[in-house]
Amino acid sequence: MGKDNEQDEIFKNQVSIIRQLADKQSCIVVGRCSDYILREREDCMHVFIYASYEHRMKNCVESLGMTEAEAKKMIAKVDKARDVYHKTYAGFLPGDFRYKDVKRRRR
């Protein structure tokens, strides 16, 4: 119970900070459910930027010095945490293009 309440309080503070920044000046907010928090503003553009699994794996191994097994676990853990966080507070997954202004182009 304490952990959820603490996370809820952190989210409330993030909402306040993100809205204050957007009210004050042009800015870029990466993550933190900013697409949801600023959803009603006409002066915002919501995009989802991501790297392929292969590129993320390569970065973990080459830049962070992880083994492939470590990288695989870490990527899965981070992806799951990001999805749970966004789904909890925004009600949709971060990569759901229905909530983005720039749609994914099929190759």
PDB file of N, CA and C in Angstrom:
ATOM      1  N   MET A   1       0.825  -1.203   0.000  1.00  0.00           N
ATOM      2  CA  MET A   1       0.000   0.000   0.000  1.00  0.00           C
ATOM      3  C   MET A   1       0.860   1.254   0.000  1.00  0.00           C
ATOM      4  N   GLY A   2       1.884   1.276   0.800  1.00  0.00           N
ATOM      5  CA  GLY A   2       2.736   2.456   0.887  1.00  0.00           C
ATOM      6  C   GLY A   2       3.426   2.780  -0.419  1.00  0.00           C
ATOM      7  N   LYS A   3       3.871   1.744  -1.116  1.00  0.00           N
ATOM      8  CA  LYS A   3       4.576   1.955  -2.381  1.00  0.00           C
ATOM      9  C   LYS A   3       3.649   2.570  -3.425  1.00  0.00           C
ATOM     10  N   ASP A   4       2.410   2.076  -3.524  1.00  0.00           N
ATOM     11  CA  ASP A   4       1.451   2.628  -4.484  1.00  0.00           C
ATOM     12  C   ASP A   4       1.118   4.075  -4.149  1.00  0.00           C
ATOM     13  N   ASN A   5       0.898   4.356  -2.879  1.00  0.00           N
ATOM     14  CA  ASN A   5       0.595   5.725  -2.467  1.00  0.00           C
ATOM     15  C   ASN A   5       1.766   6.655  -2.763  1.00  0.00           C
ATOM     16  N   GLU A   6       2.971   6.172  -2.527  1.00  0.00           N
ATOM     17  CA  GLU A   6       4.162   6.964  -2.808  1.00  0.00           C
ATOM     18  C   GLU A   6       4.283   7.231  -4.311  1.00  0.00           C
ATOM     19  N   GLN A   7       4.055   6.208  -5.127  1.00  0.00           N
ATOM     20  CA  GLN A   7       4.122   6.374  -6.583  1.00  0.00           C
ATOM     21  C   GLN A   7       3.029   7.324  -7.066  1.00  0.00           C
ATOM     22  N   ASP A   8       1.841   7.242  -6.494  1.00  0.00           N
ATOM     23  CA  ASP A   8       0.757   8.157  -6.854  1.00  0.00           C
ATOM     24  C   ASP A   8       1.125   9.605  -6.528  1.00  0.00           C
ATOM     25  N   GLU A   9       1.759   9.797  -5.402  1.00  0.00           N
ATOM     26  CA  GLU A   9       2.180  11.148  -5.003  1.00  0.00           C
ATOM     27  C   GLU A   9       3.251  11.678  -5.953  1.00  0.00           C
ATOM     28  N   ILE A  10       4.185  10.827  -6.321  1.00  0.00           N
ATOM     29  CA  ILE A  10       5.216  11.223  -7.291  1.00  0.00           C
ATOM     30  C   ILE A  10       4.556  11.606  -8.609  1.00  0.00           C
ATOM     31  N   PHE A  11       3.593  10.811  -9.054  1.00  0.00           N
ATOM     32  CA  PHE A  11       2.912  11.119 -10.313  1.00  0.00           C
ATOM     33  C   PHE A  11       2.194  12.463 -10.233  1.00  0.00           C
ATOM     34  N   LYS A  12       1.513  12.737  -9.134  1.00  0.00           N
ATOM     35  CA  LYS A  12       0.823  14.022  -8.973  1.00  0.00           C
ATOM     36  C   LYS A  12       1.801  15.181  -9.086  1.00  0.00           C
ATOM     37  N   ASN A  13       2.976  15.030  -8.484  1.00  0.00           N
ATOM     38  CA  ASN A  13       3.993  16.080  -8.575  1.00  0.00           C
ATOM     39  C   ASN A  13       4.513  16.229 -10.005  1.00  0.00           C
ATOM     40  N   GLN A  14       4.693  15.106 -10.693  1.00  0.00           N
ATOM     41  CA  GLN A  14       5.140  15.160 -12.089  1.00  0.00           C
ATOM     42  C   GLN A  14       4.106  15.874 -12.958  1.00  0.00           C
ATOM     43  N   VAL A  15       2.828  15.591 -12.736  1.00  0.00           N
ATOM     44  CA  VAL A  15       1.754  16.250 -13.481  1.00  0.00           C
ATOM     45  C   VAL A  15       1.858  17.759 -13.290  1.00  0.00           C
ATOM     46  N   SER A  16       2.019  18.176 -12.063  1.00  0.00           N
ATOM     47  CA  SER A  16       2.115  19.601 -11.759  1.00  0.00           C
ATOM     48  C   SER A  16       3.319  20.243 -12.453  1.00  0.00           C
ATOM     49  N   ILE A  17       4.456  19.602 -12.373  1.00  0.00           N
ATOM     50  CA  ILE A  17       5.677  20.142 -12.981  1.00  0.00           C
ATOM     51  C   ILE A  17       5.555  20.204 -14.503  1.00  0.00           C
ATOM     52  N   ILE A  18       5.058  19.143 -15.114  1.00  0.00           N
ATOM     53  CA  ILE A  18       4.915  19.107 -16.575  1.00  0.00           C
ATOM     54  C   ILE A  18       3.954  20.192 -17.043  1.00  0.00           C
ATOM     55  N   ARG A  19       2.847  20.343 -16.364  1.00  0.00           N
ATOM     56  CA  ARG A  19       1.885  21.394 -16.758  1.00  0.00           C
ATOM     57  C   ARG A  19       2.461  22.790 -16.569  1.00  0.00           C
ATOM     58  N   GLN A  20       3.196  22.991 -15.482  1.00  0.00           N
ATOM     59  CA  GLN A  20       3.826  24.298 -15.259  1.00  0.00           C
ATOM     60  C   GLN A  20       4.834  24.614 -16.364  1.00  0.00           C
ATOM     61  N   LEU A  21       5.637  23.641 -16.720  1.00  0.00           N
ATOM     62  CA  LEU A  21       6.613  23.856 -17.791  1.00  0.00           C
ATOM     63  C   LEU A  21       5.935  24.176 -19.114  1.00  0.00           C
ATOM     64  N   ALA A  22       4.894  23.416 -19.450  1.00  0.00           N
ATOM     65  CA  ALA A  22       4.182  23.640 -20.707  1.00  0.00           C
ATOM     66  C   ALA A  22       3.480  24.995 -20.723  1.00  0.00           C
ATOM     67  N   ASP A  23       3.004  25.459 -19.578  1.00  0.00           N
ATOM     68  CA  ASP A  23       2.360  26.771 -19.489  1.00  0.00           C
ATOM     69  C   ASP A  23       3.371  27.907 -19.627  1.00  0.00           C
ATOM     70  N   LYS A  24       4.572  27.662 -19.169  1.00  0.00           N
ATOM     71  CA  LYS A  24       5.594  28.704 -19.091  1.00  0.00           C
ATOM     72  C   LYS A  24       6.309  28.945 -20.421  1.00  0.00           C
ATOM     73  N   GLN A  25       6.640  27.861 -21.145  1.00  0.00           N
ATOM     74  CA  GLN A  25       7.452  28.011 -22.356  1.00  0.00           C
ATOM     75  C   GLN A  25       7.380  26.750 -23.209  1.00  0.00           C
ATOM     76  N   SER A  26       7.885  26.858 -24.421  1.00  0.00           N
ATOM     77  CA  SER A  26       7.991  25.680 -25.271  1.00  0.00           C
ATOM     78  C   SER A  26       8.974  24.712 -24.635  1.00  0.00           C
ATOM     79  N   CYS A  27       8.662  23.434 -24.686  1.00  0.00           N
ATOM     80  CA  CYS A  27       9.541  22.453 -24.081  1.00  0.00           C
ATOM     81  C   CYS A  27       9.309  21.085 -24.715  1.00  0.00           C
ATOM     82  N   ILE A  28      10.233  20.206 -24.476  1.00  0.00           N
ATOM     83  CA  ILE A  28      10.099  18.815 -24.896  1.00  0.00           C
ATOM     84  C   ILE A  28      10.089  17.972 -23.631  1.00  0.00           C
ATOM     85  N   VAL A  29       9.068  17.171 -23.493  1.00  0.00           N
ATOM     86  CA  VAL A  29       8.946  16.289 -22.335  1.00  0.00           C
ATOM     87  C   VAL A  29       9.017  14.862 -22.857  1.00  0.00           C
ATOM     88  N   VAL A  30       9.952  14.103 -22.343  1.00  0.00           N
ATOM     89  CA  VAL A  30      10.128  12.719 -22.770  1.00  0.00           C
ATOM     90  C   VAL A  30       9.558  11.802 -21.701  1.00  0.00           C
ATOM     91  N   GLY A  31       8.544  11.049 -22.090  1.00  0.00           N
ATOM     92  CA  GLY A  31       7.979  10.068 -21.173  1.00  0.00           C
ATOM     93  C   GLY A  31       7.146  10.674 -20.071  1.00  0.00           C
ATOM     94  N   ARG A  32       7.086   9.981 -18.959  1.00  0.00           N
ATOM     95  CA  ARG A  32       6.357  10.368 -17.749  1.00  0.00           C
ATOM     96  C   ARG A  32       4.878  10.602 -18.004  1.00  0.00           C
ATOM     97  N   CYS A  33       4.299   9.919 -19.003  1.00  0.00           N
ATOM     98  CA  CYS A  33       2.886  10.049 -19.379  1.00  0.00           C
ATOM     99  C   CYS A  33       2.537  11.462 -19.845  1.00  0.00           C
ATOM    100  N   SER A  34       3.525  12.170 -20.349  1.00  0.00           N
ATOM    101  CA  SER A  34       3.279  13.549 -20.776  1.00  0.00           C
ATOM    102  C   SER A  34       2.264  13.621 -21.907  1.00  0.00           C
ATOM    103  N   ASP A  35       2.186  12.580 -22.752  1.00  0.00           N
ATOM    104  CA  ASP A  35       1.172  12.571 -23.804  1.00  0.00           C
ATOM    105  C   ASP A  35      -0.232  12.588 -23.202  1.00  0.00           C
ATOM    106  N   TYR A  36      -0.409  11.902 -22.114  1.00  0.00           N
ATOM    107  CA  TYR A  36      -1.688  11.872 -21.418  1.00  0.00           C
ATOM    108  C   TYR A  36      -1.914  13.171 -20.633  1.00  0.00           C
ATOM    109  N   ILE A  37      -0.913  13.599 -19.917  1.00  0.00           N
ATOM    110  CA  ILE A  37      -1.031  14.790 -19.069  1.00  0.00           C
ATOM    111  C   ILE A  37      -1.367  16.033 -19.899  1.00  0.00           C
ATOM    112  N   LEU A  38      -0.784  16.133 -21.081  1.00  0.00           N
ATOM    113  CA  LEU A  38      -0.981  17.318 -21.927  1.00  0.00           C
ATOM    114  C   LEU A  38      -1.958  17.058 -23.074  1.00  0.00           C
ATOM    115  N   ARG A  39      -2.775  16.041 -22.956  1.00  0.00           N
ATOM    116  CA  ARG A  39      -3.645  15.593 -24.044  1.00  0.00           C
ATOM    117  C   ARG A  39      -4.648  16.641 -24.520  1.00  0.00           C
ATOM    118  N   GLU A  40      -5.077  17.540 -23.661  1.00  0.00           N
ATOM    119  CA  GLU A  40      -6.098  18.520 -24.033  1.00  0.00           C
ATOM    120  C   GLU A  40      -5.527  19.820 -24.583  1.00  0.00           C
ATOM    121  N   ARG A  41      -4.231  19.927 -24.605  1.00  0.00           N
ATOM    122  CA  ARG A  41      -3.604  21.153 -25.110  1.00  0.00           C
ATOM    123  C   ARG A  41      -3.525  21.106 -26.633  1.00  0.00           C
ATOM    124  N   GLU A  42      -3.914  22.187 -27.249  1.00  0.00           N
ATOM    125  CA  GLU A  42      -3.869  22.293 -28.708  1.00  0.00           C
ATOM    126  C   GLU A  42      -2.459  22.550 -29.226  1.00  0.00           C
ATOM    127  N   ASP A  43      -1.581  23.041 -28.366  1.00  0.00           N
ATOM    128  CA  ASP A  43      -0.236  23.436 -28.793  1.00  0.00           C
ATOM    129  C   ASP A  43       0.813  22.357 -28.546  1.00  0.00           C
ATOM    130  N   CYS A  44       0.390  21.110 -28.455  1.00  0.00           N
ATOM    131  CA  CYS A  44       1.318  20.003 -28.209  1.00  0.00           C
ATOM    132  C   CYS A  44       1.310  19.023 -29.370  1.00  0.00           C
ATOM    133  N   MET A  45       2.440  18.405 -29.575  1.00  0.00           N
ATOM    134  CA  MET A  45       2.556  17.322 -30.537  1.00  0.00           C
ATOM    135  C   MET A  45       3.021  16.100 -29.769  1.00  0.00           C
ATOM    136  N   HIS A  46       2.306  14.997 -29.946  1.00  0.00           N
ATOM    137  CA  HIS A  46       2.616  13.763 -29.234  1.00  0.00           C
ATOM    138  C   HIS A  46       3.187  12.745 -30.215  1.00  0.00           C
ATOM    139  N   VAL A  47       4.409  12.319 -29.947  1.00  0.00           N
ATOM    140  CA  VAL A  47       5.071  11.334 -30.797  1.00  0.00           C
ATOM    141  C   VAL A  47       5.627  10.213 -29.923  1.00  0.00           C
ATOM    142  N   PHE A  48       5.902   9.089 -30.554  1.00  0.00           N
ATOM    143  CA  PHE A  48       6.503   7.963 -29.860  1.00  0.00           C
ATOM    144  C   PHE A  48       7.773   7.607 -30.616  1.00  0.00           C
ATOM    145  N   ILE A  49       8.899   7.781 -29.963  1.00  0.00           N
ATOM    146  CA  ILE A  49      10.190   7.502 -30.573  1.00  0.00           C
ATOM    147  C   ILE A  49      10.753   6.254 -29.905  1.00  0.00           C
ATOM    148  N   TYR A  50      11.209   5.336 -30.715  1.00  0.00           N
ATOM    149  CA  TYR A  50      11.710   4.087 -30.167  1.00  0.00           C
ATOM    150  C   TYR A  50      12.795   3.520 -31.067  1.00  0.00           C
ATOM    151  N   ALA A  51      13.538   2.609 -30.525  1.00  0.00           N
ATOM    152  CA  ALA A  51      14.561   1.876 -31.280  1.00  0.00           C
ATOM    153  C   ALA A  51      14.118   0.422 -31.369  1.00  0.00           C
ATOM    154  N   SER A  52      14.554  -0.236 -32.410  1.00  0.00           N
ATOM    155  CA  SER A  52      14.223  -1.644 -32.568  1.00  0.00           C
ATOM    156  C   SER A  52      14.870  -2.453 -31.438  1.00  0.00           C
ATOM    157  N   TYR A  53      14.348  -3.631 -31.230  1.00  0.00           N
ATOM    158  CA  TYR A  53      14.916  -4.518 -30.218  1.00  0.00           C
ATOM    159  C   TYR A  53      16.386  -4.786 -30.523  1.00  0.00           C
ATOM    160  N   GLU A  54      16.700  -4.999 -31.774  1.00  0.00           N
ATOM    161  CA  GLU A  54      18.085  -5.284 -32.174  1.00  0.00           C
ATOM    162  C   GLU A  54      19.018  -4.130 -31.825  1.00  0.00           C
ATOM    163  N   HIS A  55      18.578  -2.898 -32.076  1.00  0.00           N
ATOM    164  CA  HIS A  55      19.409  -1.743 -31.735  1.00  0.00           C
ATOM    165  C   HIS A  55      19.567  -1.582 -30.223  1.00  0.00           C
ATOM    166  N   ARG A  56      18.509  -1.839 -29.495  1.00  0.00           N
ATOM    167  CA  ARG A  56      18.599  -1.743 -28.033  1.00  0.00           C
ATOM    168  C   ARG A  56      19.526  -2.814 -27.481  1.00  0.00           C
ATOM    169  N   MET A  57      19.434  -4.009 -28.021  1.00  0.00           N
ATOM    170  CA  MET A  57      20.309  -5.109 -27.603  1.00  0.00           C
ATOM    171  C   MET A  57      21.770  -4.746 -27.892  1.00  0.00           C
ATOM    172  N   LYS A  58      22.028  -4.244 -29.084  1.00  0.00           N
ATOM    173  CA  LYS A  58      23.386  -3.856 -29.466  1.00  0.00           C
ATOM    174  C   LYS A  58      23.926  -2.771 -28.526  1.00  0.00           C
ATOM    175  N   ASN A  59      23.112  -1.799 -28.195  1.00  0.00           N
ATOM    176  CA  ASN A  59      23.530  -0.725 -27.288  1.00  0.00           C
ATOM    177  C   ASN A  59      23.879  -1.279 -25.909  1.00  0.00           C
ATOM    178  N   CYS A  60      23.047  -2.168 -25.400  1.00  0.00           N
ATOM    179  CA  CYS A  60      23.301  -2.753 -24.076  1.00  0.00           C
ATOM    180  C   CYS A  60      24.614  -3.528 -24.059  1.00  0.00           C
ATOM    181  N   VAL A  61      24.853  -4.296 -25.103  1.00  0.00           N
ATOM    182  CA  VAL A  61      26.045  -5.134 -25.151  1.00  0.00           C
ATOM    183  C   VAL A  61      27.291  -4.289 -25.415  1.00  0.00           C
ATOM    184  N   GLU A  62      27.235  -3.437 -26.438  1.00  0.00           N
ATOM    185  CA  GLU A  62      28.432  -2.696 -26.844  1.00  0.00           C
ATOM    186  C   GLU A  62      28.718  -1.467 -25.980  1.00  0.00           C
ATOM    187  N   SER A  63      27.697  -0.736 -25.637  1.00  0.00           N
ATOM    188  CA  SER A  63      27.919   0.505 -24.876  1.00  0.00           C
ATOM    189  C   SER A  63      27.892   0.314 -23.372  1.00  0.00           C
ATOM    190  N   LEU A  64      27.051  -0.600 -22.907  1.00  0.00           N
ATOM    191  CA  LEU A  64      26.911  -0.801 -21.464  1.00  0.00           C
ATOM    192  C   LEU A  64      27.675  -2.013 -20.957  1.00  0.00           C
ATOM    193  N   GLY A  65      28.258  -2.782 -21.868  1.00  0.00           N
ATOM    194  CA  GLY A  65      29.085  -3.920 -21.474  1.00  0.00           C
ATOM    195  C   GLY A  65      28.325  -5.092 -20.884  1.00  0.00           C
ATOM    196  N   MET A  66      27.070  -5.229 -21.216  1.00  0.00           N
ATOM    197  CA  MET A  66      26.267  -6.343 -20.705  1.00  0.00           C
ATOM    198  C   MET A  66      26.463  -7.576 -21.575  1.00  0.00           C
ATOM    199  N   THR A  67      26.209  -8.723 -20.984  1.00  0.00           N
ATOM    200  CA  THR A  67      26.125  -9.931 -21.797  1.00  0.00           C
ATOM    201  C   THR A  67      24.770  -9.895 -22.501  1.00  0.00           C
ATOM    202  N   GLU A  68      24.614 -10.732 -23.518  1.00  0.00           N
ATOM    203  CA  GLU A  68      23.322 -10.770 -24.207  1.00  0.00           C
ATOM    204  C   GLU A  68      22.203 -11.209 -23.270  1.00  0.00           C
ATOM    205  N   ALA A  69      22.500 -12.142 -22.381  1.00  0.00           N
ATOM    206  CA  ALA A  69      21.495 -12.605 -21.420  1.00  0.00           C
ATOM    207  C   ALA A  69      21.079 -11.477 -20.477  1.00  0.00           C
ATOM    208  N   GLU A  70      22.064 -10.718 -19.974  1.00  0.00           N
ATOM    209  CA  GLU A  70      21.763  -9.580 -19.095  1.00  0.00           C
ATOM    210  C   GLU A  70      20.944  -8.528 -19.842  1.00  0.00           C
ATOM    211  N   ALA A  71      21.334  -8.250 -21.070  1.00  0.00           N
ATOM    212  CA  ALA A  71      20.638  -7.245 -21.868  1.00  0.00           C
ATOM    213  C   ALA A  71      19.192  -7.662 -22.121  1.00  0.00           C
ATOM    214  N   LYS A  72      18.992  -8.924 -22.448  1.00  0.00           N
ATOM    215  CA  LYS A  72      17.644  -9.429 -22.716  1.00  0.00           C
ATOM    216  C   LYS A  72      16.748  -9.258 -21.497  1.00  0.00           C
ATOM    217  N   LYS A  73      17.265  -9.605 -20.312  1.00  0.00           N
ATOM    218  CA  LYS A  73      16.496  -9.459 -19.065  1.00  0.00           C
ATOM    219  C   LYS A  73      16.203  -7.991 -18.769  1.00  0.00           C
ATOM    220  N   MET A  74      17.224  -7.146 -18.933  1.00  0.00           N
ATOM    221  CA  MET A  74      17.056  -5.734 -18.624  1.00  0.00           C
ATOM    222  C   MET A  74      16.046  -5.069 -19.568  1.00  0.00           C
ATOM    223  N   ILE A  75      16.135  -5.356 -20.845  1.00  0.00           N
ATOM    224  CA  ILE A  75      15.199  -4.779 -21.816  1.00  0.00           C
ATOM    225  C   ILE A  75      13.773  -5.207 -21.481  1.00  0.00           C
ATOM    226  N   ALA A  76      13.576  -6.486 -21.189  1.00  0.00           N
ATOM    227  CA  ALA A  76      12.241  -6.981 -20.845  1.00  0.00           C
ATOM    228  C   ALA A  76      11.713  -6.305 -19.583  1.00  0.00           C
ATOM    229  N   LYS A  77      12.577  -6.148 -18.590  1.00  0.00           N
ATOM    230  CA  LYS A  77      12.173  -5.529 -17.320  1.00  0.00           C
ATOM    231  C   LYS A  77      11.795  -4.058 -17.520  1.00  0.00           C
ATOM    232  N   VAL A  78      12.613  -3.326 -18.263  1.00  0.00           N
ATOM    233  CA  VAL A  78      12.341  -1.902 -18.504  1.00  0.00           C
ATOM    234  C   VAL A  78      11.072  -1.727 -19.333  1.00  0.00           C
ATOM    235  N   ASP A  79      10.916  -2.535 -20.384  1.00  0.00           N
ATOM    236  CA  ASP A  79       9.716  -2.448 -21.220  1.00  0.00           C
ATOM    237  C   ASP A  79       8.458  -2.731 -20.404  1.00  0.00           C
ATOM    238  N   LYS A  80       8.504  -3.750 -19.565  1.00  0.00           N
ATOM    239  CA  LYS A  80       7.343  -4.097 -18.741  1.00  0.00           C
ATOM    240  C   LYS A  80       7.023  -2.973 -17.758  1.00  0.00           C
ATOM    241  N   ALA A  81       8.050  -2.447 -17.099  1.00  0.00           N
ATOM    242  CA  ALA A  81       7.838  -1.359 -16.129  1.00  0.00           C
ATOM    243  C   ALA A  81       7.252  -0.127 -16.810  1.00  0.00           C
ATOM    244  N   ARG A  82       7.756   0.209 -17.978  1.00  0.00           N
ATOM    245  CA  ARG A  82       7.254   1.364 -18.726  1.00  0.00           C
ATOM    246  C   ARG A  82       5.788   1.154 -19.102  1.00  0.00           C
ATOM    247  N   ASP A  83       5.463  -0.038 -19.596  1.00  0.00           N
ATOM    248  CA  ASP A  83       4.083  -0.323 -19.986  1.00  0.00           C
ATOM    249  C   ASP A  83       3.135  -0.281 -18.795  1.00  0.00           C
ATOM    250  N   VAL A  84       3.537  -0.878 -17.686  1.00  0.00           N
ATOM    251  CA  VAL A  84       2.688  -0.887 -16.490  1.00  0.00           C
ATOM    252  C   VAL A  84       2.468   0.541 -15.997  1.00  0.00           C
ATOM    253  N   TYR A  85       3.528   1.336 -15.929  1.00  0.00           N
ATOM    254  CA  TYR A  85       3.425   2.719 -15.466  1.00  0.00           C
ATOM    255  C   TYR A  85       2.459   3.513 -16.342  1.00  0.00           C
ATOM    256  N   HIS A  86       2.657   3.436 -17.654  1.00  0.00           N
ATOM    257  CA  HIS A  86       1.838   4.222 -18.575  1.00  0.00           C
ATOM    258  C   HIS A  86       0.391   3.752 -18.562  1.00  0.00           C
ATOM    259  N   LYS A  87       0.189   2.459 -18.531  1.00  0.00           N
ATOM    260  CA  LYS A  87      -1.176   1.903 -18.501  1.00  0.00           C
ATOM    261  C   LYS A  87      -1.884   2.298 -17.200  1.00  0.00           C
ATOM    262  N   THR A  88      -1.154   2.293 -16.090  1.00  0.00           N
ATOM    263  CA  THR A  88      -1.725   2.653 -14.793  1.00  0.00           C
ATOM    264  C   THR A  88      -2.204   4.100 -14.773  1.00  0.00           C
ATOM    265  N   TYR A  89      -1.389   5.022 -15.259  1.00  0.00           N
ATOM    266  CA  TYR A  89      -1.719   6.440 -15.130  1.00  0.00           C
ATOM    267  C   TYR A  89      -2.414   7.036 -16.352  1.00  0.00           C
ATOM    268  N   ALA A  90      -2.137   6.518 -17.547  1.00  0.00           N
ATOM    269  CA  ALA A  90      -2.751   7.081 -18.749  1.00  0.00           C
ATOM    270  C   ALA A  90      -3.921   6.225 -19.246  1.00  0.00           C
ATOM    271  N   GLY A  91      -3.894   4.935 -18.924  1.00  0.00           N
ATOM    272  CA  GLY A  91      -4.959   4.050 -19.376  1.00  0.00           C
ATOM    273  C   GLY A  91      -4.696   3.415 -20.732  1.00  0.00           C
ATOM    274  N   PHE A  92      -3.518   3.683 -21.306  1.00  0.00           N
ATOM    275  CA  PHE A  92      -3.134   3.078 -22.576  1.00  0.00           C
ATOM    276  C   PHE A  92      -1.630   2.885 -22.591  1.00  0.00           C
ATOM    277  N   LEU A  93      -1.149   2.053 -23.494  1.00  0.00           N
ATOM    278  CA  LEU A  93       0.284   1.779 -23.582  1.00  0.00           C
ATOM    279  C   LEU A  93       1.021   2.928 -24.260  1.00  0.00           C
ATOM    280  N   PRO A  94       2.287   3.131 -23.935  1.00  0.00           N
ATOM    281  CA  PRO A  94       3.020   4.266 -24.495  1.00  0.00           C
ATOM    282  C   PRO A  94       3.134   4.237 -26.020  1.00  0.00           C
ATOM    283  N   GLY A  95       3.154   3.078 -26.622  1.00  0.00           N
ATOM    284  CA  GLY A  95       3.288   2.987 -28.071  1.00  0.00           C
ATOM    285  C   GLY A  95       1.971   2.909 -28.815  1.00  0.00           C
ATOM    286  N   ASP A  96       0.860   3.216 -28.162  1.00  0.00           N
ATOM    287  CA  ASP A  96      -0.452   3.161 -28.806  1.00  0.00           C
ATOM    288  C   ASP A  96      -0.613   4.390 -29.705  1.00  0.00           C
ATOM    289  N   PHE A  97      -0.515   4.168 -31.002  1.00  0.00           N
ATOM    290  CA  PHE A  97      -0.502   5.271 -31.961  1.00  0.00           C
ATOM    291  C   PHE A  97      -1.847   5.971 -32.106  1.00  0.00           C
ATOM    292  N   ARG A  98      -2.895   5.442 -31.516  1.00  0.00           N
ATOM    293  CA  ARG A  98      -4.181   6.153 -31.530  1.00  0.00           C
ATOM    294  C   ARG A  98      -4.093   7.465 -30.757  1.00  0.00           C
ATOM    295  N   TYR A  99      -3.100   7.571 -29.869  1.00  0.00           N
ATOM    296  CA  TYR A  99      -2.957   8.761 -29.026  1.00  0.00           C
ATOM    297  C   TYR A  99      -1.768   9.628 -29.450  1.00  0.00           C
ATOM    298  N   LYS A 100      -1.282   9.426 -30.647  1.00  0.00           N
ATOM    299  CA  LYS A 100      -0.122  10.170 -31.139  1.00  0.00           C
ATOM    300  C   LYS A 100      -0.523  11.018 -32.335  1.00  0.00           C
ATOM    301  N   ASP A 101       0.213  12.099 -32.550  1.00  0.00           N
ATOM    302  CA  ASP A 101      -0.040  12.983 -33.686  1.00  0.00           C
ATOM    303  C   ASP A 101       0.710  12.536 -34.931  1.00  0.00           C
ATOM    304  N   VAL A 102       1.813  11.849 -34.747  1.00  0.00           N
ATOM    305  CA  VAL A 102       2.592  11.330 -35.862  1.00  0.00           C
ATOM    306  C   VAL A 102       2.388   9.822 -35.863  1.00  0.00           C
ATOM    307  N   LYS A 103       1.808   9.322 -36.913  1.00  0.00           N
ATOM    308  CA  LYS A 103       1.486   7.898 -36.981  1.00  0.00           C
ATOM    309  C   LYS A 103       2.653   7.111 -37.543  1.00  0.00           C
ATOM    310  N   ARG A 104       2.741   5.880 -37.134  1.00  0.00           N
ATOM    311  CA  ARG A 104       3.808   4.987 -37.585  1.00  0.00           C
ATOM    312  C   ARG A 104       3.630   4.676 -39.051  1.00  0.00           C
ATOM    313  N   ARG A 105       4.726   4.740 -39.750  1.00  0.00           N
ATOM    314  CA  ARG A 105       4.722   4.447 -41.180  1.00  0.00           C
ATOM    315  C   ARG A 105       5.123   2.994 -41.378  1.00  0.00           C
ATOM    316  N   ARG A 106       4.364   2.272 -42.121  1.00  0.00           N
ATOM    317  CA  ARG A 106       4.667   0.868 -42.426  1.00  0.00           C
ATOM    318  C   ARG A 106       5.694   0.815 -43.541  1.00  0.00           C
ATOM    319  N   ARG A 107       6.627  -0.129 -43.441  1.00  0.00           N
ATOM    320  CA  ARG A 107       7.646  -0.288 -44.496  1.00  0.00           C
ATOM    321  C   ARG A 107       7.285  -1.411 -45.400  1.00  0.00           C
TER     322      ARG A 107
END
